[in-house]
Amino acid sequence: MYKKMIPVLLASSVVLSGCLEQNSPGTTNSSAAPATLAVKKENAVASVNGIYISKETLNNLEMEIMQRTRGQAIPKDKLIEELVQRELLAQQATAIKLENSPEFLKQLHNIKQSLLSQAALKYYIDNNPLTDDALKAEYEAKMGVQKTEYKARHILVKTEDEAKAVIAELAQGADFSELAKTKSTGPSGPQGGDLGWFTADRMVPPFSEAVIALENGKSTAAPVQTQFGWHVILREESREQTPPPFESVKEQIRPMLQRQQIQDYMADLRAKAKVEILTDAPEAADPTPEPVVETPAEPAAE
């Protein structure tokens, strides 16, 4: 009974090479691949006109599909049928000499360029591994320094006069949390102005400076202005933030540092190359983008 091709069609180089595998260098079939791809019968899952499809090709296809479908497995017989049908099509394409068509050659060139660029990056990374010293230095720079965390509330209003009125009510014994619920225009208002725990670097400067200057349990005696409006701030508590141990975050630091390593490598290659942009498009931006600084909707990350 005819089996339909499975709906997952992968174009990876591993699968494509598997579809062209052969049983021996001397095969006379028109789709014969280089001798380096020779597959022995004992290592094959199927044969199509004398061309063997390897177990490795099947395993690679199975793993790729599971990655793309987040662990959903497909029966092996369907995967084998998929590979058989691909090999049939590959042999037919070779028989009618489609590999010489301009469209095929253009796509083959694009695939080759992509694989070569990936291979070059892999070669560079393999030959320039990140040392523990480099990872430790990044850890110390980004998270190894102990920071103070603050727990605070605030009341955000539009004008300085409104903020002064709030301060006057607090001086008469009004509850900060209740005032925030009725007067604050910020997203934290319904929660009594609660901003939770944060470090000063997560705030806009005027706000963080005011929090640092306060004592625990004290509120600002004068309104604090930021681009969001006027604030009355209550610093409730503070504590020293202990950074996580280096070993527990080392592997989280690695990809970040590796991206920077690759950016530096690409910048070096570009600096040494003669690059001429031949289109009428606007002048290209600097290939090394500047870091993006996120601005929160309120002084703290609410």
C-alpha atoms as a PDB file:
ATOM      1  CA  MET A   1       0.000   0.000   0.000  1.00  0.00           C
ATOM      2  CA  TYR A   2       1.343   3.476  -0.947  1.00  0.00           C
ATOM      3  CA  LYS A   3       2.485   5.544   2.019  1.00  0.00           C
ATOM      4  CA  LYS A   4       2.264   9.328   1.948  1.00  0.00           C
ATOM      5  CA  MET A   5       5.378  11.332   2.694  1.00  0.00           C
ATOM      6  CA  ILE A   6       5.462  12.511   6.275  1.00  0.00           C
ATOM      7  CA  PRO A   7       4.690  16.237   6.594  1.00  0.00           C
ATOM      8  CA  VAL A   8       8.057  17.073   8.134  1.00  0.00           C
ATOM      9  CA  LEU A   9      10.441  17.795   5.230  1.00  0.00           C
ATOM     10  CA  LEU A  10      13.892  18.713   6.490  1.00  0.00           C
ATOM     11  CA  ALA A  11      16.542  20.304   4.323  1.00  0.00           C
ATOM     12  CA  SER A  12      19.547  19.745   6.579  1.00  0.00           C
ATOM     13  CA  SER A  13      22.846  18.795   5.073  1.00  0.00           C
ATOM     14  CA  VAL A  14      22.881  15.573   7.098  1.00  0.00           C
ATOM     15  CA  VAL A  15      19.639  14.340   5.593  1.00  0.00           C
ATOM     16  CA  LEU A  16      20.534  15.515   2.095  1.00  0.00           C
ATOM     17  CA  SER A  17      23.813  13.672   2.205  1.00  0.00           C
ATOM     18  CA  GLY A  18      22.065  10.578   3.523  1.00  0.00           C
ATOM     19  CA  CYS A  19      19.743  10.566   0.532  1.00  0.00           C
ATOM     20  CA  LEU A  20      22.734  10.350  -1.775  1.00  0.00           C
ATOM     21  CA  GLU A  21      24.589   7.577   0.028  1.00  0.00           C
ATOM     22  CA  GLN A  22      25.614   4.515  -1.962  1.00  0.00           C
ATOM     23  CA  ASN A  23      26.606   0.947  -1.291  1.00  0.00           C
ATOM     24  CA  SER A  24      30.034   1.026  -2.912  1.00  0.00           C
ATOM     25  CA  PRO A  25      32.304   3.282  -5.002  1.00  0.00           C
ATOM     26  CA  GLY A  26      31.741   1.112  -8.050  1.00  0.00           C
ATOM     27  CA  THR A  27      27.971   1.485  -8.196  1.00  0.00           C
ATOM     28  CA  THR A  28      26.794   2.236 -11.712  1.00  0.00           C
ATOM     29  CA  ASN A  29      23.565   3.963 -10.625  1.00  0.00           C
ATOM     30  CA  SER A  30      23.367   7.560 -11.898  1.00  0.00           C
ATOM     31  CA  SER A  31      22.892   8.955  -8.360  1.00  0.00           C
ATOM     32  CA  ALA A  32      26.154   7.480  -7.128  1.00  0.00           C
ATOM     33  CA  ALA A  33      27.749   9.627  -4.431  1.00  0.00           C
ATOM     34  CA  PRO A  34      31.466  10.019  -3.644  1.00  0.00           C
ATOM     35  CA  ALA A  35      33.199   6.994  -2.203  1.00  0.00           C
ATOM     36  CA  THR A  36      33.510   8.719   1.164  1.00  0.00           C
ATOM     37  CA  LEU A  37      29.740   8.295   1.607  1.00  0.00           C
ATOM     38  CA  ALA A  38      29.790   4.554   0.932  1.00  0.00           C
ATOM     39  CA  VAL A  39      27.434   2.571   3.158  1.00  0.00           C
ATOM     40  CA  LYS A  40      27.689  -1.127   3.839  1.00  0.00           C
ATOM     41  CA  LYS A  41      24.611  -3.302   3.836  1.00  0.00           C
ATOM     42  CA  GLU A  42      24.937  -4.152   7.545  1.00  0.00           C
ATOM     43  CA  ASN A  43      24.818  -0.416   8.353  1.00  0.00           C
ATOM     44  CA  ALA A  44      21.762   0.298   6.215  1.00  0.00           C
ATOM     45  CA  VAL A  45      18.019   0.485   6.903  1.00  0.00           C
ATOM     46  CA  ALA A  46      16.899   0.306   3.257  1.00  0.00           C
ATOM     47  CA  SER A  47      18.145  -0.073  -0.293  1.00  0.00           C
ATOM     48  CA  VAL A  48      16.811   1.850  -3.302  1.00  0.00           C
ATOM     49  CA  ASN A  49      18.020   0.571  -6.672  1.00  0.00           C
ATOM     50  CA  GLY A  50      21.194  -0.661  -4.993  1.00  0.00           C
ATOM     51  CA  ILE A  51      21.804   2.543  -3.034  1.00  0.00           C
ATOM     52  CA  TYR A  52      21.903   1.968   0.723  1.00  0.00           C
ATOM     53  CA  ILE A  53      20.382   4.437   3.217  1.00  0.00           C
ATOM     54  CA  SER A  54      22.342   4.320   6.450  1.00  0.00           C
ATOM     55  CA  LYS A  55      21.133   3.834  10.008  1.00  0.00           C
ATOM     56  CA  GLU A  56      22.943   7.055  10.887  1.00  0.00           C
ATOM     57  CA  THR A  57      20.809   8.985   8.391  1.00  0.00           C
ATOM     58  CA  LEU A  58      17.663   7.561   9.961  1.00  0.00           C
ATOM     59  CA  ASN A  59      18.874   8.449  13.470  1.00  0.00           C
ATOM     60  CA  ASN A  60      19.728  11.997  12.395  1.00  0.00           C
ATOM     61  CA  LEU A  61      16.323  12.486  10.798  1.00  0.00           C
ATOM     62  CA  GLU A  62      14.612  11.136  13.907  1.00  0.00           C
ATOM     63  CA  MET A  63      16.546  13.495  16.202  1.00  0.00           C
ATOM     64  CA  GLU A  64      15.915  16.537  14.018  1.00  0.00           C
ATOM     65  CA  ILE A  65      12.193  15.871  13.867  1.00  0.00           C
ATOM     66  CA  MET A  66      12.025  15.387  17.641  1.00  0.00           C
ATOM     67  CA  GLN A  67      13.795  18.726  18.116  1.00  0.00           C
ATOM     68  CA  ARG A  68      11.411  20.498  15.756  1.00  0.00           C
ATOM     69  CA  THR A  69       8.324  18.877  17.265  1.00  0.00           C
ATOM     70  CA  ARG A  70       9.536  19.256  20.886  1.00  0.00           C
ATOM     71  CA  GLY A  71       9.914  15.558  21.582  1.00  0.00           C
ATOM     72  CA  GLN A  72       7.053  14.176  19.507  1.00  0.00           C
ATOM     73  CA  ALA A  73       8.240  10.888  18.016  1.00  0.00           C
ATOM     74  CA  ILE A  74       7.286   9.534  14.581  1.00  0.00           C
ATOM     75  CA  PRO A  75       7.263   5.767  13.927  1.00  0.00           C
ATOM     76  CA  LYS A  76      10.483   4.508  12.376  1.00  0.00           C
ATOM     77  CA  ASP A  77       8.686   2.857   9.459  1.00  0.00           C
ATOM     78  CA  LYS A  78       7.300   6.246   8.398  1.00  0.00           C
ATOM     79  CA  LEU A  79      10.746   7.824   8.673  1.00  0.00           C
ATOM     80  CA  ILE A  80      12.276   5.042   6.583  1.00  0.00           C
ATOM     81  CA  GLU A  81       9.537   5.482   3.978  1.00  0.00           C
ATOM     82  CA  GLU A  82      10.282   9.201   3.916  1.00  0.00           C
ATOM     83  CA  LEU A  83      13.964   8.501   3.252  1.00  0.00           C
ATOM     84  CA  VAL A  84      13.100   5.937   0.565  1.00  0.00           C
ATOM     85  CA  GLN A  85      10.887   8.438  -1.243  1.00  0.00           C
ATOM     86  CA  ARG A  86      13.556  11.112  -1.007  1.00  0.00           C
ATOM     87  CA  GLU A  87      16.114   8.720  -2.494  1.00  0.00           C
ATOM     88  CA  LEU A  88      13.702   7.839  -5.319  1.00  0.00           C
ATOM     89  CA  LEU A  89      13.248  11.521  -6.093  1.00  0.00           C
ATOM     90  CA  ALA A  90      16.995  12.167  -5.851  1.00  0.00           C
ATOM     91  CA  GLN A  91      17.717   9.345  -8.288  1.00  0.00           C
ATOM     92  CA  GLN A  92      15.031  10.630 -10.667  1.00  0.00           C
ATOM     93  CA  ALA A  93      16.455  14.158 -10.490  1.00  0.00           C
ATOM     94  CA  THR A  94      19.924  12.787 -11.307  1.00  0.00           C
ATOM     95  CA  ALA A  95      18.580  10.682 -14.170  1.00  0.00           C
ATOM     96  CA  ILE A  96      17.111  13.769 -15.877  1.00  0.00           C
ATOM     97  CA  LYS A  97      20.198  15.831 -14.992  1.00  0.00           C
ATOM     98  CA  LEU A  98      18.461  18.394 -12.778  1.00  0.00           C
ATOM     99  CA  GLU A  99      21.705  18.870 -10.870  1.00  0.00           C
ATOM    100  CA  ASN A 100      22.940  20.868 -13.874  1.00  0.00           C
ATOM    101  CA  SER A 101      19.965  23.238 -13.950  1.00  0.00           C
ATOM    102  CA  PRO A 102      20.655  26.911 -13.101  1.00  0.00           C
ATOM    103  CA  GLU A 103      18.084  26.861 -10.282  1.00  0.00           C
ATOM    104  CA  PHE A 104      19.647  23.812  -8.630  1.00  0.00           C
ATOM    105  CA  LEU A 105      23.171  25.172  -8.961  1.00  0.00           C
ATOM    106  CA  LYS A 106      22.100  28.470  -7.419  1.00  0.00           C
ATOM    107  CA  GLN A 107      20.471  26.720  -4.446  1.00  0.00           C
ATOM    108  CA  LEU A 108      23.466  24.410  -4.086  1.00  0.00           C
ATOM    109  CA  HIS A 109      25.765  27.434  -3.977  1.00  0.00           C
ATOM    110  CA  ASN A 110      23.637  29.073  -1.267  1.00  0.00           C
ATOM    111  CA  ILE A 111      23.621  25.876   0.823  1.00  0.00           C
ATOM    112  CA  LYS A 112      27.381  25.515   0.385  1.00  0.00           C
ATOM    113  CA  GLN A 113      27.964  29.120   1.502  1.00  0.00           C
ATOM    114  CA  SER A 114      25.792  28.586   4.579  1.00  0.00           C
ATOM    115  CA  LEU A 115      27.542  25.342   5.534  1.00  0.00           C
ATOM    116  CA  LEU A 116      30.986  26.837   4.961  1.00  0.00           C
ATOM    117  CA  SER A 117      30.205  29.844   7.162  1.00  0.00           C
ATOM    118  CA  GLN A 118      28.941  27.554   9.932  1.00  0.00           C
ATOM    119  CA  ALA A 119      32.004  25.344   9.556  1.00  0.00           C
ATOM    120  CA  ALA A 120      34.322  28.374   9.779  1.00  0.00           C
ATOM    121  CA  LEU A 121      32.658  29.572  12.979  1.00  0.00           C
ATOM    122  CA  LYS A 122      32.777  26.090  14.497  1.00  0.00           C
ATOM    123  CA  TYR A 123      36.450  25.787  13.593  1.00  0.00           C
ATOM    124  CA  TYR A 124      37.198  29.150  15.229  1.00  0.00           C
ATOM    125  CA  ILE A 125      35.270  28.279  18.408  1.00  0.00           C
ATOM    126  CA  ASP A 126      36.848  24.809  18.641  1.00  0.00           C
ATOM    127  CA  ASN A 127      40.323  26.280  18.279  1.00  0.00           C
ATOM    128  CA  ASN A 128      39.720  29.224  20.606  1.00  0.00           C
ATOM    129  CA  PRO A 129      37.903  27.662  23.575  1.00  0.00           C
ATOM    130  CA  LEU A 130      36.812  29.896  26.426  1.00  0.00           C
ATOM    131  CA  THR A 131      38.930  29.305  29.506  1.00  0.00           C
ATOM    132  CA  ASP A 132      37.634  29.189  33.060  1.00  0.00           C
ATOM    133  CA  ASP A 133      39.678  32.329  33.715  1.00  0.00           C
ATOM    134  CA  ALA A 134      37.776  34.209  31.005  1.00  0.00           C
ATOM    135  CA  LEU A 135      34.442  32.971  32.339  1.00  0.00           C
ATOM    136  CA  LYS A 136      35.458  33.865  35.893  1.00  0.00           C
ATOM    137  CA  ALA A 137      36.447  37.388  34.809  1.00  0.00           C
ATOM    138  CA  GLU A 138      33.046  37.895  33.165  1.00  0.00           C
ATOM    139  CA  TYR A 139      31.343  36.537  36.260  1.00  0.00           C
ATOM    140  CA  GLU A 140      33.230  38.947  38.507  1.00  0.00           C
ATOM    141  CA  ALA A 141      32.437  41.878  36.209  1.00  0.00           C
ATOM    142  CA  LYS A 142      28.734  41.156  35.836  1.00  0.00           C
ATOM    143  CA  MET A 143      27.537  39.406  38.969  1.00  0.00           C
ATOM    144  CA  GLY A 144      30.419  38.739  41.321  1.00  0.00           C
ATOM    145  CA  VAL A 145      30.130  42.109  43.059  1.00  0.00           C
ATOM    146  CA  GLN A 146      27.853  42.157  46.078  1.00  0.00           C
ATOM    147  CA  LYS A 147      24.993  44.655  45.690  1.00  0.00           C
ATOM    148  CA  THR A 148      22.456  46.152  48.045  1.00  0.00           C
ATOM    149  CA  GLU A 149      18.816  45.371  47.368  1.00  0.00           C
ATOM    150  CA  TYR A 150      16.035  47.678  48.444  1.00  0.00           C
ATOM    151  CA  LYS A 151      12.354  47.079  49.130  1.00  0.00           C
ATOM    152  CA  ALA A 152      10.301  50.218  48.580  1.00  0.00           C
ATOM    153  CA  ARG A 153       6.911  51.701  47.801  1.00  0.00           C
ATOM    154  CA  HIS A 154       6.137  54.874  45.907  1.00  0.00           C
ATOM    155  CA  ILE A 155       3.258  57.171  45.064  1.00  0.00           C
ATOM    156  CA  LEU A 156       3.441  58.629  41.557  1.00  0.00           C
ATOM    157  CA  VAL A 157       1.510  61.823  40.754  1.00  0.00           C
ATOM    158  CA  LYS A 158       1.546  64.345  37.929  1.00  0.00           C
ATOM    159  CA  THR A 159       2.529  67.568  39.723  1.00  0.00           C
ATOM    160  CA  GLU A 160       4.864  68.700  42.463  1.00  0.00           C
ATOM    161  CA  ASP A 161       1.968  70.220  44.398  1.00  0.00           C
ATOM    162  CA  GLU A 162       0.136  66.891  44.437  1.00  0.00           C
ATOM    163  CA  ALA A 163       3.288  65.196  45.747  1.00  0.00           C
ATOM    164  CA  LYS A 164       3.673  67.830  48.486  1.00  0.00           C
ATOM    165  CA  ALA A 165       0.055  67.261  49.498  1.00  0.00           C
ATOM    166  CA  VAL A 166       0.742  63.532  49.831  1.00  0.00           C
ATOM    167  CA  ILE A 167       3.812  64.243  51.995  1.00  0.00           C
ATOM    168  CA  ALA A 168       1.679  66.481  54.222  1.00  0.00           C
ATOM    169  CA  GLU A 169      -0.900  63.713  54.695  1.00  0.00           C
ATOM    170  CA  LEU A 170       1.863  61.254  55.582  1.00  0.00           C
ATOM    171  CA  ALA A 171       3.180  63.725  58.170  1.00  0.00           C
ATOM    172  CA  GLN A 172      -0.278  63.720  59.773  1.00  0.00           C
ATOM    173  CA  GLY A 173      -0.189  59.923  60.123  1.00  0.00           C
ATOM    174  CA  ALA A 174      -1.811  58.702  56.893  1.00  0.00           C
ATOM    175  CA  ASP A 175      -0.976  55.149  55.826  1.00  0.00           C
ATOM    176  CA  PHE A 176       1.436  55.106  52.844  1.00  0.00           C
ATOM    177  CA  SER A 177      -0.045  51.983  51.275  1.00  0.00           C
ATOM    178  CA  GLU A 178      -3.617  53.314  51.446  1.00  0.00           C
ATOM    179  CA  LEU A 179      -2.589  56.668  49.968  1.00  0.00           C
ATOM    180  CA  ALA A 180      -0.856  54.866  47.092  1.00  0.00           C
ATOM    181  CA  LYS A 181      -4.031  52.924  46.304  1.00  0.00           C
ATOM    182  CA  THR A 182      -6.100  56.106  46.016  1.00  0.00           C
ATOM    183  CA  LYS A 183      -3.624  58.652  44.658  1.00  0.00           C
ATOM    184  CA  SER A 184      -0.822  56.919  42.717  1.00  0.00           C
ATOM    185  CA  THR A 185      -1.100  56.933  38.918  1.00  0.00           C
ATOM    186  CA  GLY A 186       1.560  54.209  38.506  1.00  0.00           C
ATOM    187  CA  PRO A 187       0.857  50.520  37.783  1.00  0.00           C
ATOM    188  CA  SER A 188       1.877  49.656  41.341  1.00  0.00           C
ATOM    189  CA  GLY A 189      -0.829  51.886  42.845  1.00  0.00           C
ATOM    190  CA  PRO A 190      -3.433  49.122  43.355  1.00  0.00           C
ATOM    191  CA  GLN A 191      -0.751  47.133  45.252  1.00  0.00           C
ATOM    192  CA  GLY A 192      -0.146  50.041  47.618  1.00  0.00           C
ATOM    193  CA  GLY A 193       2.783  51.290  45.531  1.00  0.00           C
ATOM    194  CA  ASP A 194       4.786  48.135  46.283  1.00  0.00           C
ATOM    195  CA  LEU A 195       7.848  47.839  44.016  1.00  0.00           C
ATOM    196  CA  GLY A 196       9.233  44.681  45.605  1.00  0.00           C
ATOM    197  CA  TRP A 197      12.973  44.048  45.884  1.00  0.00           C
ATOM    198  CA  PHE A 198      15.350  45.684  43.394  1.00  0.00           C
ATOM    199  CA  THR A 199      18.894  46.953  42.997  1.00  0.00           C
ATOM    200  CA  ALA A 200      19.570  50.635  42.437  1.00  0.00           C
ATOM    201  CA  ASP A 201      20.817  50.072  38.891  1.00  0.00           C
ATOM    202  CA  ARG A 202      17.302  49.037  37.853  1.00  0.00           C
ATOM    203  CA  MET A 203      15.979  52.515  38.608  1.00  0.00           C
ATOM    204  CA  VAL A 204      16.256  55.834  36.837  1.00  0.00           C
ATOM    205  CA  PRO A 205      19.005  57.849  38.617  1.00  0.00           C
ATOM    206  CA  PRO A 206      16.909  60.430  40.561  1.00  0.00           C
ATOM    207  CA  PHE A 207      14.726  57.655  41.958  1.00  0.00           C
ATOM    208  CA  SER A 208      17.630  55.360  42.913  1.00  0.00           C
ATOM    209  CA  GLU A 209      19.547  58.231  44.504  1.00  0.00           C
ATOM    210  CA  ALA A 210      16.537  59.074  46.683  1.00  0.00           C
ATOM    211  CA  VAL A 211      16.109  55.438  47.766  1.00  0.00           C
ATOM    212  CA  ILE A 212      19.791  55.098  48.667  1.00  0.00           C
ATOM    213  CA  ALA A 213      19.710  58.302  50.717  1.00  0.00           C
ATOM    214  CA  LEU A 214      16.735  57.136  52.823  1.00  0.00           C
ATOM    215  CA  GLU A 215      16.879  55.047  55.970  1.00  0.00           C
ATOM    216  CA  ASN A 216      14.765  51.915  56.329  1.00  0.00           C
ATOM    217  CA  GLY A 217      11.219  52.817  57.320  1.00  0.00           C
ATOM    218  CA  LYS A 218      11.561  56.456  56.173  1.00  0.00           C
ATOM    219  CA  SER A 219       9.888  58.277  53.277  1.00  0.00           C
ATOM    220  CA  THR A 220      11.100  61.242  51.233  1.00  0.00           C
ATOM    221  CA  ALA A 221      10.591  64.666  52.810  1.00  0.00           C
ATOM    222  CA  ALA A 222      10.509  66.330  49.383  1.00  0.00           C
ATOM    223  CA  PRO A 223       9.037  65.187  46.052  1.00  0.00           C
ATOM    224  CA  VAL A 224      11.372  63.373  43.644  1.00  0.00           C
ATOM    225  CA  GLN A 225      11.031  64.221  39.967  1.00  0.00           C
ATOM    226  CA  THR A 226      11.712  61.798  37.098  1.00  0.00           C
ATOM    227  CA  GLN A 227      10.539  61.627  33.491  1.00  0.00           C
ATOM    228  CA  PHE A 228       7.499  59.697  34.768  1.00  0.00           C
ATOM    229  CA  GLY A 229       6.240  62.423  37.086  1.00  0.00           C
ATOM    230  CA  TRP A 230       6.633  63.258  40.790  1.00  0.00           C
ATOM    231  CA  HIS A 231       7.288  60.550  43.376  1.00  0.00           C
ATOM    232  CA  VAL A 232       6.919  60.149  47.109  1.00  0.00           C
ATOM    233  CA  ILE A 233       9.069  57.174  48.118  1.00  0.00           C
ATOM    234  CA  LEU A 234       9.040  54.912  51.173  1.00  0.00           C
ATOM    235  CA  ARG A 235      12.111  52.716  51.710  1.00  0.00           C
ATOM    236  CA  GLU A 236      10.884  49.750  53.739  1.00  0.00           C
ATOM    237  CA  GLU A 237      13.907  47.452  53.948  1.00  0.00           C
ATOM    238  CA  SER A 238      17.378  46.795  52.534  1.00  0.00           C
ATOM    239  CA  ARG A 239      19.647  43.762  52.349  1.00  0.00           C
ATOM    240  CA  GLU A 240      22.897  42.642  50.795  1.00  0.00           C
ATOM    241  CA  GLN A 241      22.396  40.624  47.623  1.00  0.00           C
ATOM    242  CA  THR A 242      24.620  37.548  47.520  1.00  0.00           C
ATOM    243  CA  PRO A 243      25.652  36.578  43.972  1.00  0.00           C
ATOM    244  CA  PRO A 244      25.185  32.924  42.933  1.00  0.00           C
ATOM    245  CA  PRO A 245      28.285  30.688  43.073  1.00  0.00           C
ATOM    246  CA  PHE A 246      30.445  30.796  39.942  1.00  0.00           C
ATOM    247  CA  GLU A 247      30.075  27.073  39.211  1.00  0.00           C
ATOM    248  CA  SER A 248      26.275  27.306  39.240  1.00  0.00           C
ATOM    249  CA  VAL A 249      26.160  29.997  36.534  1.00  0.00           C
ATOM    250  CA  LYS A 250      29.319  29.247  34.549  1.00  0.00           C
ATOM    251  CA  GLU A 251      27.465  27.520  31.713  1.00  0.00           C
ATOM    252  CA  GLN A 252      24.952  30.377  31.536  1.00  0.00           C
ATOM    253  CA  ILE A 253      27.796  32.846  31.061  1.00  0.00           C
ATOM    254  CA  ARG A 254      29.493  30.792  28.323  1.00  0.00           C
ATOM    255  CA  PRO A 255      27.041  31.464  25.416  1.00  0.00           C
ATOM    256  CA  MET A 256      26.935  35.185  26.232  1.00  0.00           C
ATOM    257  CA  LEU A 257      30.728  35.417  26.200  1.00  0.00           C
ATOM    258  CA  GLN A 258      30.899  33.222  23.117  1.00  0.00           C
ATOM    259  CA  ARG A 259      28.594  35.607  21.224  1.00  0.00           C
ATOM    260  CA  GLN A 260      30.937  38.462  22.097  1.00  0.00           C
ATOM    261  CA  GLN A 261      33.885  36.344  21.008  1.00  0.00           C
ATOM    262  CA  ILE A 262      32.254  35.728  17.621  1.00  0.00           C
ATOM    263  CA  GLN A 263      31.363  39.426  17.217  1.00  0.00           C
ATOM    264  CA  ASP A 264      34.995  40.352  17.837  1.00  0.00           C
ATOM    265  CA  TYR A 265      36.151  37.678  15.366  1.00  0.00           C
ATOM    266  CA  MET A 266      33.762  38.945  12.681  1.00  0.00           C
ATOM    267  CA  ALA A 267      34.801  42.553  13.296  1.00  0.00           C
ATOM    268  CA  ASP A 268      38.445  41.516  12.861  1.00  0.00           C
ATOM    269  CA  LEU A 269      37.693  39.646   9.603  1.00  0.00           C
ATOM    270  CA  ARG A 270      35.754  42.619   8.254  1.00  0.00           C
ATOM    271  CA  ALA A 271      38.501  45.067   9.188  1.00  0.00           C
ATOM    272  CA  LYS A 272      41.047  43.007   7.252  1.00  0.00           C
ATOM    273  CA  ALA A 273      38.796  42.541   4.205  1.00  0.00           C
ATOM    274  CA  LYS A 274      38.021  44.861   1.311  1.00  0.00           C
ATOM    275  CA  VAL A 275      34.224  45.152   1.391  1.00  0.00           C
ATOM    276  CA  GLU A 276      32.351  47.230  -1.186  1.00  0.00           C
ATOM    277  CA  ILE A 277      28.569  47.646  -0.986  1.00  0.00           C
ATOM    278  CA  LEU A 278      27.220  47.849  -4.529  1.00  0.00           C
ATOM    279  CA  THR A 279      23.514  48.520  -3.940  1.00  0.00           C
ATOM    280  CA  ASP A 280      21.639  51.825  -3.791  1.00  0.00           C
ATOM    281  CA  ALA A 281      20.429  51.043  -0.275  1.00  0.00           C
ATOM    282  CA  PRO A 282      21.140  53.542   2.532  1.00  0.00           C
ATOM    283  CA  GLU A 283      24.586  53.315   4.052  1.00  0.00           C
ATOM    284  CA  ALA A 284      24.893  50.230   6.229  1.00  0.00           C
ATOM    285  CA  ALA A 285      25.119  50.698   9.965  1.00  0.00           C
ATOM    286  CA  ASP A 286      28.152  49.727  11.995  1.00  0.00           C
ATOM    287  CA  PRO A 287      28.235  45.871  11.924  1.00  0.00           C
ATOM    288  CA  THR A 288      28.870  45.841  15.678  1.00  0.00           C
ATOM    289  CA  PRO A 289      25.630  47.111  17.279  1.00  0.00           C
ATOM    290  CA  GLU A 290      25.715  49.177  20.419  1.00  0.00           C
ATOM    291  CA  PRO A 291      24.163  47.663  23.538  1.00  0.00           C
ATOM    292  CA  VAL A 292      20.487  48.354  24.011  1.00  0.00           C
ATOM    293  CA  VAL A 293      19.410  49.858  27.322  1.00  0.00           C
ATOM    294  CA  GLU A 294      15.842  49.088  28.263  1.00  0.00           C
ATOM    295  CA  THR A 295      13.854  51.898  29.896  1.00  0.00           C
ATOM    296  CA  PRO A 296      11.147  50.621  32.254  1.00  0.00           C
ATOM    297  CA  ALA A 297       7.648  52.063  32.287  1.00  0.00           C
ATOM    298  CA  GLU A 298       8.167  53.013  35.931  1.00  0.00           C
ATOM    299  CA  PRO A 299      11.354  53.584  37.933  1.00  0.00           C
ATOM    300  CA  ALA A 300      11.404  49.930  38.982  1.00  0.00           C
ATOM    301  CA  ALA A 301      10.907  46.833  36.822  1.00  0.00           C
ATOM    302  CA  GLU A 302       7.211  46.434  37.337  1.00  0.00           C
END
